[in-house]
Amino acid sequence: FELVPLGEDPSRGVKIGTGLPNLARKQLKACLRENTDLFAWSAAEMSGLDPEVACHQLTIDPSASVV
């Protein structure tokens, strides 16, 4: 994978496959960078989103041991 940074914060980016043809990779990177403002990095950045949609719970037996 190759990390494509989005914006000035180096921790904010997306990974794309390096197996993509060069032209497709170049076009995908351009598309991602042009649409950086559409990405949300935290729930706080998604105003109006119902937490019932954005959150999930795992039903785990409390007596189960960690593997």
N, C-alpha and C. Protein backbone atom coordinates (compact mmCIF):
# COMPACT_ATOMS: atom_id res chain seq x y z
N PHE A 1 0.83 -1.19 0.00
CA PHE A 1 0.00 0.00 0.00
C PHE A 1 0.86 1.24 0.00
N GLU A 2 0.27 2.30 -0.48
CA GLU A 2 0.93 3.62 -0.48
C GLU A 2 0.02 4.58 0.25
N LEU A 3 0.58 5.34 1.19
CA LEU A 3 -0.20 6.33 1.92
C LEU A 3 -0.27 7.62 1.11
N VAL A 4 -1.49 8.08 0.89
CA VAL A 4 -1.71 9.34 0.19
C VAL A 4 -2.14 10.36 1.23
N PRO A 5 -1.24 11.30 1.59
CA PRO A 5 -1.60 12.30 2.59
C PRO A 5 -2.69 13.23 2.06
N LEU A 6 -3.63 13.57 2.94
CA LEU A 6 -4.71 14.49 2.57
C LEU A 6 -4.65 15.69 3.49
N GLY A 7 -4.22 16.80 3.00
CA GLY A 7 -4.10 18.00 3.81
C GLY A 7 -2.71 18.13 4.38
N GLU A 8 -2.59 19.07 5.34
CA GLU A 8 -1.28 19.37 5.91
C GLU A 8 -0.89 18.43 7.04
N ASP A 9 -1.86 17.79 7.69
CA ASP A 9 -1.58 16.87 8.80
C ASP A 9 -1.13 15.53 8.23
N PRO A 10 0.13 15.12 8.45
CA PRO A 10 0.62 13.88 7.86
C PRO A 10 -0.07 12.61 8.38
N SER A 11 -0.78 12.72 9.51
CA SER A 11 -1.49 11.54 10.03
C SER A 11 -2.82 11.33 9.32
N ARG A 12 -3.23 12.30 8.53
CA ARG A 12 -4.51 12.18 7.81
C ARG A 12 -4.24 11.81 6.36
N GLY A 13 -4.55 10.60 6.06
CA GLY A 13 -4.34 10.12 4.70
C GLY A 13 -5.08 8.81 4.49
N VAL A 14 -5.06 8.33 3.29
CA VAL A 14 -5.68 7.06 2.96
C VAL A 14 -4.66 6.19 2.23
N LYS A 15 -4.82 4.90 2.36
CA LYS A 15 -3.92 3.97 1.69
C LYS A 15 -4.56 3.48 0.41
N ILE A 16 -3.76 3.45 -0.64
CA ILE A 16 -4.23 2.90 -1.91
C ILE A 16 -3.26 1.80 -2.32
N GLY A 17 -3.75 0.90 -3.12
CA GLY A 17 -2.93 -0.23 -3.56
C GLY A 17 -1.86 0.18 -4.55
N THR A 18 -0.67 -0.35 -4.36
CA THR A 18 0.42 -0.04 -5.29
C THR A 18 0.32 -0.89 -6.56
N GLY A 19 -0.58 -1.84 -6.56
CA GLY A 19 -0.75 -2.68 -7.74
C GLY A 19 -1.59 -2.03 -8.84
N LEU A 20 -2.13 -0.86 -8.54
CA LEU A 20 -2.91 -0.16 -9.57
C LEU A 20 -1.99 0.32 -10.68
N PRO A 21 -2.49 0.35 -11.90
CA PRO A 21 -1.68 0.90 -12.99
C PRO A 21 -1.33 2.37 -12.67
N ASN A 22 -0.20 2.84 -13.15
CA ASN A 22 0.29 4.19 -12.84
C ASN A 22 -0.74 5.28 -13.13
N LEU A 23 -1.39 5.21 -14.28
CA LEU A 23 -2.37 6.23 -14.63
C LEU A 23 -3.54 6.22 -13.65
N ALA A 24 -4.04 5.05 -13.31
CA ALA A 24 -5.16 4.93 -12.38
C ALA A 24 -4.75 5.45 -11.00
N ARG A 25 -3.54 5.13 -10.56
CA ARG A 25 -3.05 5.61 -9.26
C ARG A 25 -2.95 7.13 -9.24
N LYS A 26 -2.43 7.69 -10.32
CA LYS A 26 -2.29 9.14 -10.44
C LYS A 26 -3.67 9.82 -10.41
N GLN A 27 -4.63 9.26 -11.14
CA GLN A 27 -5.97 9.83 -11.18
C GLN A 27 -6.67 9.69 -9.83
N LEU A 28 -6.49 8.56 -9.16
CA LEU A 28 -7.09 8.34 -7.85
C LEU A 28 -6.53 9.32 -6.83
N LYS A 29 -5.22 9.50 -6.84
CA LYS A 29 -4.59 10.46 -5.91
C LYS A 29 -5.15 11.86 -6.14
N ALA A 30 -5.27 12.26 -7.40
CA ALA A 30 -5.80 13.59 -7.72
C ALA A 30 -7.24 13.73 -7.23
N CYS A 31 -8.03 12.71 -7.43
CA CYS A 31 -9.43 12.73 -6.99
C CYS A 31 -9.52 12.83 -5.47
N LEU A 32 -8.70 12.05 -4.76
CA LEU A 32 -8.72 12.08 -3.30
C LEU A 32 -8.31 13.45 -2.78
N ARG A 33 -7.27 14.02 -3.37
CA ARG A 33 -6.79 15.33 -2.92
C ARG A 33 -7.79 16.44 -3.24
N GLU A 34 -8.47 16.33 -4.37
CA GLU A 34 -9.47 17.34 -4.73
C GLU A 34 -10.68 17.29 -3.80
N ASN A 35 -10.91 16.13 -3.18
CA ASN A 35 -12.09 15.95 -2.34
C ASN A 35 -11.74 15.76 -0.87
N THR A 36 -10.59 16.27 -0.45
CA THR A 36 -10.14 16.15 0.93
C THR A 36 -11.19 16.63 1.92
N ASP A 37 -11.93 17.68 1.55
CA ASP A 37 -12.92 18.25 2.46
C ASP A 37 -14.11 17.33 2.72
N LEU A 38 -14.22 16.25 1.97
CA LEU A 38 -15.32 15.31 2.17
C LEU A 38 -15.02 14.25 3.22
N PHE A 39 -13.76 14.16 3.65
CA PHE A 39 -13.37 13.16 4.63
C PHE A 39 -13.59 13.68 6.05
N ALA A 40 -14.05 12.80 6.93
CA ALA A 40 -14.18 13.13 8.35
C ALA A 40 -13.21 12.24 9.11
N TRP A 41 -12.47 12.83 10.02
CA TRP A 41 -11.45 12.09 10.77
C TRP A 41 -11.90 11.79 12.19
N SER A 42 -13.04 12.32 12.58
CA SER A 42 -13.59 12.03 13.90
C SER A 42 -15.10 12.20 13.83
N ALA A 43 -15.80 11.66 14.83
CA ALA A 43 -17.25 11.79 14.87
C ALA A 43 -17.65 13.26 15.02
N ALA A 44 -16.81 14.06 15.68
CA ALA A 44 -17.11 15.48 15.86
C ALA A 44 -17.19 16.22 14.53
N GLU A 45 -16.51 15.72 13.52
CA GLU A 45 -16.51 16.35 12.21
C GLU A 45 -17.72 15.95 11.37
N MET A 46 -18.57 15.09 11.90
CA MET A 46 -19.74 14.61 11.16
C MET A 46 -21.02 15.13 11.81
N SER A 47 -21.16 16.43 11.83
CA SER A 47 -22.34 17.02 12.47
C SER A 47 -23.62 16.53 11.79
N GLY A 48 -24.62 16.31 12.60
CA GLY A 48 -25.92 15.87 12.09
C GLY A 48 -26.03 14.38 11.87
N LEU A 49 -24.97 13.63 12.11
CA LEU A 49 -25.02 12.19 11.93
C LEU A 49 -25.56 11.54 13.19
N ASP A 50 -26.59 10.73 13.06
CA ASP A 50 -27.20 10.05 14.19
C ASP A 50 -26.23 9.02 14.77
N PRO A 51 -25.90 9.11 16.07
CA PRO A 51 -24.98 8.14 16.68
C PRO A 51 -25.45 6.69 16.54
N GLU A 52 -26.75 6.48 16.39
CA GLU A 52 -27.26 5.12 16.20
C GLU A 52 -26.75 4.53 14.88
N VAL A 53 -26.44 5.40 13.93
CA VAL A 53 -25.93 4.95 12.63
C VAL A 53 -24.41 4.82 12.68
N ALA A 54 -23.74 5.73 13.37
CA ALA A 54 -22.29 5.80 13.35
C ALA A 54 -21.61 4.90 14.36
N CYS A 55 -22.33 4.44 15.38
CA CYS A 55 -21.70 3.64 16.45
C CYS A 55 -22.20 2.21 16.39
N HIS A 56 -21.37 1.32 16.84
CA HIS A 56 -21.77 -0.08 16.89
C HIS A 56 -21.29 -0.69 18.20
N GLN A 57 -21.86 -1.82 18.54
CA GLN A 57 -21.46 -2.55 19.73
C GLN A 57 -21.21 -4.00 19.35
N LEU A 58 -20.25 -4.58 20.02
CA LEU A 58 -19.96 -6.00 19.82
C LEU A 58 -20.48 -6.76 21.03
N THR A 59 -21.22 -7.81 20.77
CA THR A 59 -21.71 -8.64 21.85
C THR A 59 -20.63 -9.68 22.16
N ILE A 60 -19.95 -9.46 23.27
CA ILE A 60 -18.84 -10.33 23.65
C ILE A 60 -19.10 -10.88 25.03
N ASP A 61 -18.89 -12.17 25.18
CA ASP A 61 -19.03 -12.82 26.48
C ASP A 61 -18.00 -12.23 27.43
N PRO A 62 -18.43 -11.61 28.55
CA PRO A 62 -17.48 -10.99 29.47
C PRO A 62 -16.50 -11.99 30.09
N SER A 63 -16.83 -13.27 30.05
CA SER A 63 -15.91 -14.26 30.63
C SER A 63 -14.91 -14.79 29.61
N ALA A 64 -15.01 -14.34 28.36
CA ALA A 64 -14.09 -14.79 27.31
C ALA A 64 -12.70 -14.22 27.56
N SER A 65 -11.68 -15.02 27.29
CA SER A 65 -10.31 -14.55 27.47
C SER A 65 -9.81 -13.87 26.19
N VAL A 66 -8.91 -12.92 26.38
CA VAL A 66 -8.35 -12.18 25.25
C VAL A 66 -7.38 -13.10 24.51
N VAL A 67 -7.46 -13.08 23.20
CA VAL A 67 -6.57 -13.92 22.39
C VAL A 67 -5.63 -13.03 21.62
